[in-house]
Amino acid sequence: MRPKNKILTLASLKKTIARERSKGKKIAFTNGCFDILHYGHVSYLQTAKKKGRVLVIGLNSDASVKKIKGPQRPIIPERERAGVLAALECVDYVTIFKEETPLNVIKALKPDVLIKG
């Protein structure tokens, strides 16, 4: 799948996850800002993928990162951060959320496994 096709709105992702579940796939979820992606992030995501058949990333929006990390952040815009994550083989889907926490995304998707580094 092309990276841009892995970046979905929450509404689209809910439908996609329902299809994946109907095939018996276990859904793993993690989240973060991933502002300056480094090897530690990649290793963490590869390990997270092993916890489920489908790995979903909840990505903090630019506004959310700014609230959490301060006015100079993010360094990398949300669309670029999402694209880099989606380009990773271990990542199946990415959704961007505006809140400071991913609670609404978690409630909407109801992942089988919640992974936090």
N, C-alpha and C. Protein backbone atom coordinates (compact mmCIF):
# COMPACT_ATOMS: atom_id res chain seq x y z
N MET A 1 0.85 -1.18 0.00
CA MET A 1 0.00 0.00 0.00
C MET A 1 0.89 1.24 0.00
N ARG A 2 0.52 2.22 -0.78
CA ARG A 2 1.28 3.47 -0.84
C ARG A 2 1.11 4.23 0.47
N PRO A 3 2.18 4.89 0.93
CA PRO A 3 2.11 5.60 2.21
C PRO A 3 0.92 6.56 2.33
N LYS A 4 0.63 7.32 1.27
CA LYS A 4 -0.47 8.30 1.37
C LYS A 4 -1.81 7.61 1.60
N ASN A 5 -1.94 6.36 1.18
CA ASN A 5 -3.19 5.62 1.38
C ASN A 5 -3.32 5.07 2.79
N LYS A 6 -2.26 5.15 3.57
CA LYS A 6 -2.28 4.68 4.95
C LYS A 6 -2.73 5.78 5.92
N ILE A 7 -2.80 7.03 5.46
CA ILE A 7 -3.17 8.16 6.31
C ILE A 7 -4.66 8.40 6.14
N LEU A 8 -5.41 8.15 7.22
CA LEU A 8 -6.87 8.20 7.15
C LEU A 8 -7.46 9.11 8.21
N THR A 9 -8.63 9.66 7.91
CA THR A 9 -9.39 10.36 8.94
C THR A 9 -9.89 9.31 9.92
N LEU A 10 -10.30 9.75 11.09
CA LEU A 10 -10.80 8.80 12.08
C LEU A 10 -12.04 8.08 11.57
N ALA A 11 -12.92 8.79 10.89
CA ALA A 11 -14.15 8.17 10.35
C ALA A 11 -13.81 7.06 9.35
N SER A 12 -12.89 7.33 8.44
CA SER A 12 -12.47 6.31 7.47
C SER A 12 -11.75 5.16 8.15
N LEU A 13 -10.93 5.50 9.14
CA LEU A 13 -10.17 4.47 9.84
C LEU A 13 -11.09 3.52 10.60
N LYS A 14 -12.16 4.05 11.20
CA LYS A 14 -13.11 3.18 11.91
C LYS A 14 -13.67 2.11 10.97
N LYS A 15 -14.03 2.49 9.76
CA LYS A 15 -14.57 1.54 8.78
C LYS A 15 -13.50 0.54 8.37
N THR A 16 -12.29 1.03 8.16
CA THR A 16 -11.18 0.16 7.76
C THR A 16 -10.87 -0.85 8.85
N ILE A 17 -10.85 -0.40 10.09
CA ILE A 17 -10.55 -1.29 11.22
C ILE A 17 -11.65 -2.35 11.36
N ALA A 18 -12.90 -1.96 11.13
CA ALA A 18 -14.00 -2.93 11.17
C ALA A 18 -13.78 -4.03 10.13
N ARG A 19 -13.33 -3.66 8.94
CA ARG A 19 -13.04 -4.66 7.90
C ARG A 19 -11.88 -5.56 8.32
N GLU A 20 -10.84 -4.96 8.88
CA GLU A 20 -9.67 -5.75 9.33
C GLU A 20 -10.09 -6.74 10.42
N ARG A 21 -10.92 -6.28 11.35
CA ARG A 21 -11.40 -7.15 12.43
C ARG A 21 -12.24 -8.30 11.89
N SER A 22 -13.04 -8.01 10.88
CA SER A 22 -13.89 -9.06 10.30
C SER A 22 -13.06 -10.18 9.67
N LYS A 23 -11.80 -9.88 9.38
CA LYS A 23 -10.86 -10.88 8.85
C LYS A 23 -10.10 -11.57 9.98
N GLY A 24 -10.47 -11.24 11.23
CA GLY A 24 -9.83 -11.88 12.38
C GLY A 24 -8.51 -11.26 12.79
N LYS A 25 -8.22 -10.07 12.31
CA LYS A 25 -6.94 -9.44 12.64
C LYS A 25 -7.01 -8.70 13.96
N LYS A 26 -5.94 -8.81 14.74
CA LYS A 26 -5.82 -8.11 16.02
C LYS A 26 -5.26 -6.71 15.74
N ILE A 27 -5.87 -5.70 16.38
CA ILE A 27 -5.50 -4.30 16.16
C ILE A 27 -4.64 -3.80 17.32
N ALA A 28 -3.46 -3.29 16.99
CA ALA A 28 -2.58 -2.68 17.99
C ALA A 28 -2.56 -1.18 17.73
N PHE A 29 -2.54 -0.40 18.81
CA PHE A 29 -2.57 1.06 18.69
C PHE A 29 -1.49 1.68 19.56
N THR A 30 -0.84 2.68 19.00
CA THR A 30 0.06 3.52 19.78
C THR A 30 -0.08 4.95 19.27
N ASN A 31 0.51 5.87 19.98
CA ASN A 31 0.38 7.27 19.58
C ASN A 31 1.63 8.04 19.96
N GLY A 32 1.71 9.25 19.43
CA GLY A 32 2.83 10.12 19.78
C GLY A 32 2.91 11.31 18.85
N CYS A 33 3.88 12.17 19.15
CA CYS A 33 4.14 13.35 18.32
C CYS A 33 5.04 13.00 17.15
N PHE A 34 6.02 12.14 17.39
CA PHE A 34 6.97 11.70 16.36
C PHE A 34 7.50 12.89 15.55
N ASP A 35 7.90 13.94 16.28
CA ASP A 35 8.33 15.17 15.62
C ASP A 35 9.67 15.02 14.91
N ILE A 36 10.63 14.45 15.57
CA ILE A 36 11.91 14.17 14.93
C ILE A 36 12.10 12.66 15.05
N LEU A 37 11.67 11.95 14.02
CA LEU A 37 11.70 10.49 14.05
C LEU A 37 13.15 10.00 14.10
N HIS A 38 13.43 9.11 15.04
CA HIS A 38 14.78 8.56 15.19
C HIS A 38 14.70 7.05 15.34
N TYR A 39 15.86 6.41 15.40
CA TYR A 39 15.92 4.95 15.43
C TYR A 39 15.13 4.37 16.61
N GLY A 40 15.16 5.03 17.75
CA GLY A 40 14.39 4.55 18.91
C GLY A 40 12.91 4.46 18.60
N HIS A 41 12.37 5.45 17.87
CA HIS A 41 10.97 5.40 17.45
C HIS A 41 10.72 4.21 16.54
N VAL A 42 11.59 4.03 15.55
CA VAL A 42 11.41 2.96 14.57
C VAL A 42 11.45 1.59 15.26
N SER A 43 12.40 1.41 16.15
CA SER A 43 12.52 0.15 16.89
C SER A 43 11.26 -0.10 17.73
N TYR A 44 10.78 0.94 18.39
CA TYR A 44 9.56 0.86 19.20
C TYR A 44 8.36 0.45 18.33
N LEU A 45 8.24 1.06 17.15
CA LEU A 45 7.12 0.75 16.26
C LEU A 45 7.22 -0.66 15.70
N GLN A 46 8.42 -1.12 15.41
CA GLN A 46 8.60 -2.50 14.95
C GLN A 46 8.18 -3.49 16.03
N THR A 47 8.52 -3.19 17.27
CA THR A 47 8.12 -4.04 18.39
C THR A 47 6.60 -3.99 18.58
N ALA A 48 6.03 -2.80 18.46
CA ALA A 48 4.58 -2.63 18.60
C ALA A 48 3.83 -3.45 17.55
N LYS A 49 4.34 -3.50 16.35
CA LYS A 49 3.70 -4.25 15.26
C LYS A 49 3.58 -5.73 15.62
N LYS A 50 4.53 -6.24 16.35
CA LYS A 50 4.52 -7.66 16.74
C LYS A 50 3.39 -7.98 17.72
N LYS A 51 2.78 -6.96 18.32
CA LYS A 51 1.71 -7.16 19.29
C LYS A 51 0.34 -7.32 18.63
N GLY A 52 0.27 -7.03 17.34
CA GLY A 52 -0.99 -7.16 16.61
C GLY A 52 -0.71 -7.35 15.14
N ARG A 53 -1.73 -7.73 14.39
CA ARG A 53 -1.56 -7.90 12.94
C ARG A 53 -1.64 -6.56 12.22
N VAL A 54 -2.33 -5.60 12.83
CA VAL A 54 -2.50 -4.28 12.23
C VAL A 54 -2.02 -3.24 13.25
N LEU A 55 -1.08 -2.39 12.83
CA LEU A 55 -0.57 -1.34 13.72
C LEU A 55 -1.12 0.01 13.27
N VAL A 56 -1.82 0.67 14.19
CA VAL A 56 -2.40 1.99 13.95
C VAL A 56 -1.66 2.99 14.81
N ILE A 57 -1.31 4.12 14.20
CA ILE A 57 -0.64 5.21 14.93
C ILE A 57 -1.59 6.39 15.03
N GLY A 58 -1.80 6.88 16.24
CA GLY A 58 -2.49 8.14 16.47
C GLY A 58 -1.42 9.22 16.55
N LEU A 59 -1.44 10.16 15.63
CA LEU A 59 -0.42 11.21 15.55
C LEU A 59 -0.97 12.54 16.03
N ASN A 60 -0.28 13.14 17.00
CA ASN A 60 -0.69 14.46 17.48
C ASN A 60 -0.61 15.49 16.35
N SER A 61 -1.64 16.30 16.21
CA SER A 61 -1.66 17.38 15.21
C SER A 61 -0.63 18.44 15.59
N ASP A 62 -0.36 19.36 14.68
CA ASP A 62 0.56 20.45 14.96
C ASP A 62 0.10 21.26 16.18
N ALA A 63 -1.20 21.57 16.23
CA ALA A 63 -1.73 22.35 17.36
C ALA A 63 -1.57 21.60 18.67
N SER A 64 -1.80 20.31 18.64
CA SER A 64 -1.66 19.48 19.83
C SER A 64 -0.21 19.43 20.30
N VAL A 65 0.73 19.26 19.37
CA VAL A 65 2.15 19.24 19.72
C VAL A 65 2.56 20.57 20.34
N LYS A 66 2.09 21.65 19.77
CA LYS A 66 2.41 22.99 20.28
C LYS A 66 1.95 23.14 21.73
N LYS A 67 0.76 22.65 22.04
CA LYS A 67 0.25 22.71 23.41
C LYS A 67 1.09 21.88 24.37
N ILE A 68 1.53 20.72 23.90
CA ILE A 68 2.28 19.79 24.76
C ILE A 68 3.74 20.19 24.91
N LYS A 69 4.37 20.58 23.79
CA LYS A 69 5.83 20.77 23.77
C LYS A 69 6.28 22.22 23.71
N GLY A 70 5.35 23.15 23.47
CA GLY A 70 5.72 24.56 23.46
C GLY A 70 5.63 25.20 22.08
N PRO A 71 5.76 26.53 22.04
CA PRO A 71 5.50 27.29 20.81
C PRO A 71 6.49 27.05 19.67
N GLN A 72 7.65 26.51 19.96
CA GLN A 72 8.64 26.26 18.90
C GLN A 72 8.44 24.90 18.22
N ARG A 73 7.49 24.14 18.67
CA ARG A 73 7.26 22.81 18.13
C ARG A 73 5.89 22.77 17.46
N PRO A 74 5.65 21.91 16.54
CA PRO A 74 6.57 20.90 16.05
C PRO A 74 7.59 21.48 15.07
N ILE A 75 8.64 20.76 14.87
CA ILE A 75 9.65 21.15 13.88
C ILE A 75 9.20 20.68 12.50
N ILE A 76 8.65 19.49 12.45
CA ILE A 76 8.17 18.89 11.19
C ILE A 76 6.63 18.99 11.17
N PRO A 77 6.03 19.54 10.10
CA PRO A 77 4.57 19.65 10.02
C PRO A 77 3.87 18.28 10.05
N GLU A 78 2.63 18.28 10.52
CA GLU A 78 1.89 17.03 10.73
C GLU A 78 1.79 16.17 9.47
N ARG A 79 1.56 16.76 8.32
CA ARG A 79 1.42 15.96 7.09
C ARG A 79 2.72 15.23 6.76
N GLU A 80 3.85 15.91 7.00
CA GLU A 80 5.15 15.27 6.75
C GLU A 80 5.42 14.18 7.78
N ARG A 81 5.10 14.45 9.05
CA ARG A 81 5.29 13.43 10.09
C ARG A 81 4.43 12.21 9.77
N ALA A 82 3.20 12.44 9.35
CA ALA A 82 2.30 11.34 9.00
C ALA A 82 2.86 10.56 7.81
N GLY A 83 3.38 11.26 6.82
CA GLY A 83 3.95 10.60 5.64
C GLY A 83 5.15 9.74 5.96
N VAL A 84 6.02 10.23 6.83
CA VAL A 84 7.20 9.45 7.22
C VAL A 84 6.76 8.19 7.97
N LEU A 85 5.83 8.33 8.90
CA LEU A 85 5.34 7.15 9.63
C LEU A 85 4.68 6.15 8.68
N ALA A 86 3.86 6.65 7.78
CA ALA A 86 3.15 5.78 6.84
C ALA A 86 4.12 5.05 5.90
N ALA A 87 5.28 5.63 5.67
CA ALA A 87 6.27 5.00 4.79
C ALA A 87 6.96 3.80 5.45
N LEU A 88 6.83 3.69 6.77
CA LEU A 88 7.45 2.56 7.47
C LEU A 88 6.65 1.28 7.20
N GLU A 89 7.34 0.22 6.90
CA GLU A 89 6.69 -1.06 6.60
C GLU A 89 5.85 -1.57 7.77
N CYS A 90 6.29 -1.31 8.99
CA CYS A 90 5.60 -1.84 10.16
C CYS A 90 4.31 -1.09 10.49
N VAL A 91 4.09 0.07 9.89
CA VAL A 91 2.91 0.89 10.17
C VAL A 91 1.84 0.62 9.12
N ASP A 92 0.64 0.28 9.59
CA ASP A 92 -0.46 0.01 8.67
C ASP A 92 -1.33 1.24 8.41
N TYR A 93 -1.62 2.00 9.46
CA TYR A 93 -2.47 3.18 9.31
C TYR A 93 -2.03 4.28 10.26
N VAL A 94 -2.26 5.53 9.83
CA VAL A 94 -1.98 6.70 10.65
C VAL A 94 -3.21 7.58 10.63
N THR A 95 -3.59 8.10 11.79
CA THR A 95 -4.65 9.09 11.87
C THR A 95 -4.15 10.24 12.74
N ILE A 96 -4.49 11.46 12.35
CA ILE A 96 -4.05 12.66 13.07
C ILE A 96 -5.18 13.09 13.99
N PHE A 97 -4.84 13.37 15.26
CA PHE A 97 -5.86 13.84 16.20
C PHE A 97 -5.46 15.19 16.78
N LYS A 98 -6.47 16.01 17.08
CA LYS A 98 -6.23 17.39 17.51
C LYS A 98 -6.16 17.57 19.02
N GLU A 99 -6.67 16.60 19.76
CA GLU A 99 -6.68 16.71 21.22
C GLU A 99 -5.27 16.47 21.77
N GLU A 100 -5.10 16.79 23.04
CA GLU A 100 -3.79 16.57 23.67
C GLU A 100 -3.55 15.10 23.99
N THR A 101 -4.62 14.32 24.12
CA THR A 101 -4.48 12.89 24.38
C THR A 101 -5.26 12.12 23.30
N PRO A 102 -4.92 10.86 23.09
CA PRO A 102 -5.60 10.07 22.07
C PRO A 102 -6.86 9.36 22.56
N LEU A 103 -7.39 9.77 23.70
CA LEU A 103 -8.51 9.05 24.30
C LEU A 103 -9.70 8.88 23.34
N ASN A 104 -10.06 9.94 22.62
CA ASN A 104 -11.19 9.83 21.69
C ASN A 104 -10.91 8.84 20.57
N VAL A 105 -9.67 8.79 20.11
CA VAL A 105 -9.30 7.83 19.06
C VAL A 105 -9.38 6.40 19.61
N ILE A 106 -8.87 6.21 20.80
CA ILE A 106 -8.89 4.89 21.43
C ILE A 106 -10.34 4.42 21.64
N LYS A 107 -11.19 5.32 22.12
CA LYS A 107 -12.60 4.96 22.32
C LYS A 107 -13.29 4.61 21.00
N ALA A 108 -12.93 5.33 19.95
CA ALA A 108 -13.55 5.09 18.64
C ALA A 108 -13.08 3.77 18.01
N LEU A 109 -11.80 3.47 18.15
CA LEU A 109 -11.24 2.28 17.48
C LEU A 109 -11.30 1.01 18.32
N LYS A 110 -11.29 1.18 19.64
CA LYS A 110 -11.29 0.04 20.56
C LYS A 110 -10.24 -1.01 20.17
N PRO A 111 -8.96 -0.60 20.16
CA PRO A 111 -7.91 -1.55 19.77
C PRO A 111 -7.83 -2.74 20.72
N ASP A 112 -7.35 -3.85 20.21
CA ASP A 112 -7.16 -5.04 21.04
C ASP A 112 -5.97 -4.87 21.97
N VAL A 113 -4.97 -4.14 21.49
CA VAL A 113 -3.74 -3.93 22.25
C VAL A 113 -3.40 -2.45 22.22
N LEU A 114 -3.13 -1.88 23.39
CA LEU A 114 -2.71 -0.49 23.51
C LEU A 114 -1.25 -0.49 23.94
N ILE A 115 -0.39 0.13 23.15
CA ILE A 115 1.04 0.11 23.41
C ILE A 115 1.52 1.53 23.64
N LYS A 116 2.21 1.72 24.75
CA LYS A 116 2.76 3.04 25.05
C LYS A 116 4.20 2.87 25.49
N GLY A 117 5.09 3.60 24.82
CA GLY A 117 6.52 3.47 25.11
C GLY A 117 6.98 4.32 26.26
